[in-house]
Amino acid sequence: METFLKIENIKLWARVGVLDEERESGQLFILDIFLWTDFEKCTVKDDIKKTVDYSKLVQILKDQSKKIYCYTIEKYSKAILEIIDQEFKLSKIKIILTKCNPPIIGFDGRVSIVRIIENN
């Protein structure tokens, strides 16, 4: 049985983008995270200390995002993966990072990057 924890719709403000105003003012990103680990340790004794403290994770990501300053969502997404991986030693991490309002003339959609890392 495959089990993972999914955290959806984390709103992050970061200074990421090619345009100067994107890096100066910042903009909204949405993050979805999927985390794989051994959840049985938590399940057996219903021990919160044996699972991922997702409230802590969300706060760390919100705090760190305020410090991010780069051109691409590719670099930003790598930084997010590194933060999660360093804080929580998990077997697999998948993120979907979405730029909510990319400044593209005639385009009112969103742009996302999906990244996955697996630790053996």
Protein backbone atom coordinates (compact mmCIF):
# COMPACT_ATOMS: atom_id res chain seq x y z
CA MET A 1 0.00 0.00 0.00
CA GLU A 2 1.36 3.40 -0.97
CA THR A 3 0.69 6.22 1.48
CA PHE A 4 1.66 9.84 1.20
CA LEU A 5 0.76 13.11 2.85
CA LYS A 6 -0.62 15.82 0.58
CA ILE A 7 -0.56 19.49 1.56
CA GLU A 8 -2.49 21.67 -0.86
CA ASN A 9 -2.81 25.32 -1.71
CA ILE A 10 0.02 26.79 0.34
CA LYS A 11 0.13 30.47 -0.56
CA LEU A 12 3.67 31.86 -0.77
CA TRP A 13 4.91 35.34 -1.61
CA ALA A 14 8.30 35.41 -3.32
CA ARG A 15 10.45 37.71 -5.44
CA VAL A 16 10.76 35.46 -8.48
CA GLY A 17 10.57 36.44 -12.12
CA VAL A 18 12.38 37.70 -15.17
CA LEU A 19 10.93 41.21 -14.96
CA ASP A 20 12.47 43.66 -12.48
CA GLU A 21 9.09 44.45 -10.93
CA GLU A 22 8.49 40.75 -10.23
CA ARG A 23 11.68 40.57 -8.19
CA GLU A 24 11.17 43.97 -6.57
CA SER A 25 7.53 43.63 -5.51
CA GLY A 26 7.18 39.88 -5.42
CA GLN A 27 4.14 37.86 -6.35
CA LEU A 28 1.86 35.04 -5.28
CA PHE A 29 2.72 31.40 -5.79
CA ILE A 30 0.69 28.34 -4.86
CA LEU A 31 2.45 25.20 -3.66
CA ASP A 32 1.15 21.65 -3.41
CA ILE A 33 3.36 19.11 -1.66
CA PHE A 34 3.28 15.32 -1.59
CA LEU A 35 5.42 13.59 1.07
CA TRP A 36 6.30 9.92 1.37
CA THR A 37 7.66 8.45 4.58
CA ASP A 38 6.96 5.55 6.94
CA PHE A 39 3.62 6.63 8.40
CA GLU A 40 3.21 3.32 10.25
CA LYS A 41 5.41 4.62 13.08
CA CYS A 42 2.80 7.29 13.71
CA THR A 43 -0.18 5.07 13.04
CA VAL A 44 0.64 2.31 15.53
CA LYS A 45 0.65 4.52 18.63
CA ASP A 46 -1.05 7.60 17.17
CA ASP A 47 2.15 9.52 17.94
CA ILE A 48 2.32 12.95 16.34
CA LYS A 49 6.08 13.07 16.94
CA LYS A 50 6.50 10.15 14.51
CA THR A 51 5.04 11.94 11.51
CA VAL A 52 5.60 15.11 9.49
CA ASP A 53 4.67 18.27 11.37
CA TYR A 54 3.05 19.99 8.42
CA SER A 55 2.22 23.13 10.40
CA LYS A 56 5.96 23.57 11.00
CA LEU A 57 6.70 22.82 7.34
CA VAL A 58 4.23 25.43 6.07
CA GLN A 59 5.64 28.07 8.40
CA ILE A 60 9.22 27.32 7.36
CA LEU A 61 8.30 27.62 3.69
CA LYS A 62 6.44 30.90 4.24
CA ASP A 63 9.40 32.36 6.14
CA GLN A 64 12.02 31.17 3.65
CA SER A 65 10.01 32.33 0.62
CA LYS A 66 10.27 35.91 1.83
CA LYS A 67 14.05 35.57 1.40
CA ILE A 68 13.93 34.09 -2.12
CA TYR A 69 15.12 36.32 -4.95
CA CYS A 70 15.67 34.71 -8.35
CA TYR A 71 14.64 34.74 -12.01
CA THR A 72 12.98 31.35 -12.54
CA ILE A 73 10.43 29.09 -10.91
CA GLU A 74 12.86 26.28 -11.69
CA LYS A 75 15.39 27.70 -9.22
CA TYR A 76 12.69 28.59 -6.72
CA SER A 77 11.26 25.06 -6.85
CA LYS A 78 14.72 23.58 -6.28
CA ALA A 79 15.15 25.80 -3.21
CA ILE A 80 11.79 24.57 -1.87
CA LEU A 81 12.79 20.93 -2.36
CA GLU A 82 16.08 21.53 -0.57
CA ILE A 83 14.32 23.18 2.37
CA ILE A 84 11.90 20.27 2.75
CA ASP A 85 14.62 17.65 2.28
CA GLN A 86 16.93 19.23 4.86
CA GLU A 87 14.22 19.70 7.47
CA PHE A 88 12.46 16.34 7.05
CA LYS A 89 14.33 13.26 5.89
CA LEU A 90 11.67 11.72 3.66
CA SER A 91 11.80 8.89 1.15
CA LYS A 92 10.15 10.90 -1.64
CA ILE A 93 8.99 14.48 -2.17
CA LYS A 94 6.87 15.85 -4.99
CA ILE A 95 5.98 19.51 -5.36
CA ILE A 96 3.85 21.48 -7.76
CA LEU A 97 4.81 25.16 -7.71
CA THR A 98 2.43 27.47 -9.55
CA LYS A 99 3.03 31.05 -10.60
CA CYS A 100 -0.47 32.48 -10.31
CA ASN A 101 -0.23 35.57 -12.51
CA PRO A 102 2.62 35.31 -15.00
CA PRO A 103 3.05 38.64 -16.81
CA ILE A 104 2.41 37.34 -20.33
CA ILE A 105 0.40 39.57 -22.63
CA GLY A 106 -2.84 37.90 -23.72
CA PHE A 107 -2.45 35.02 -21.24
CA ASP A 108 -4.56 34.74 -18.11
CA GLY A 109 -3.54 31.21 -17.10
CA ARG A 110 -1.03 29.89 -14.63
CA VAL A 111 2.39 28.30 -15.05
CA SER A 112 3.51 25.38 -12.89
CA ILE A 113 6.57 23.25 -12.43
CA VAL A 114 6.43 19.73 -11.03
CA ARG A 115 9.52 18.34 -9.31
CA ILE A 116 10.15 15.02 -7.61
CA ILE A 117 13.09 13.76 -5.60
CA GLU A 118 13.57 10.30 -4.18
CA ASN A 119 15.97 9.44 -1.40
CA ASN A 120 17.16 5.89 -1.08
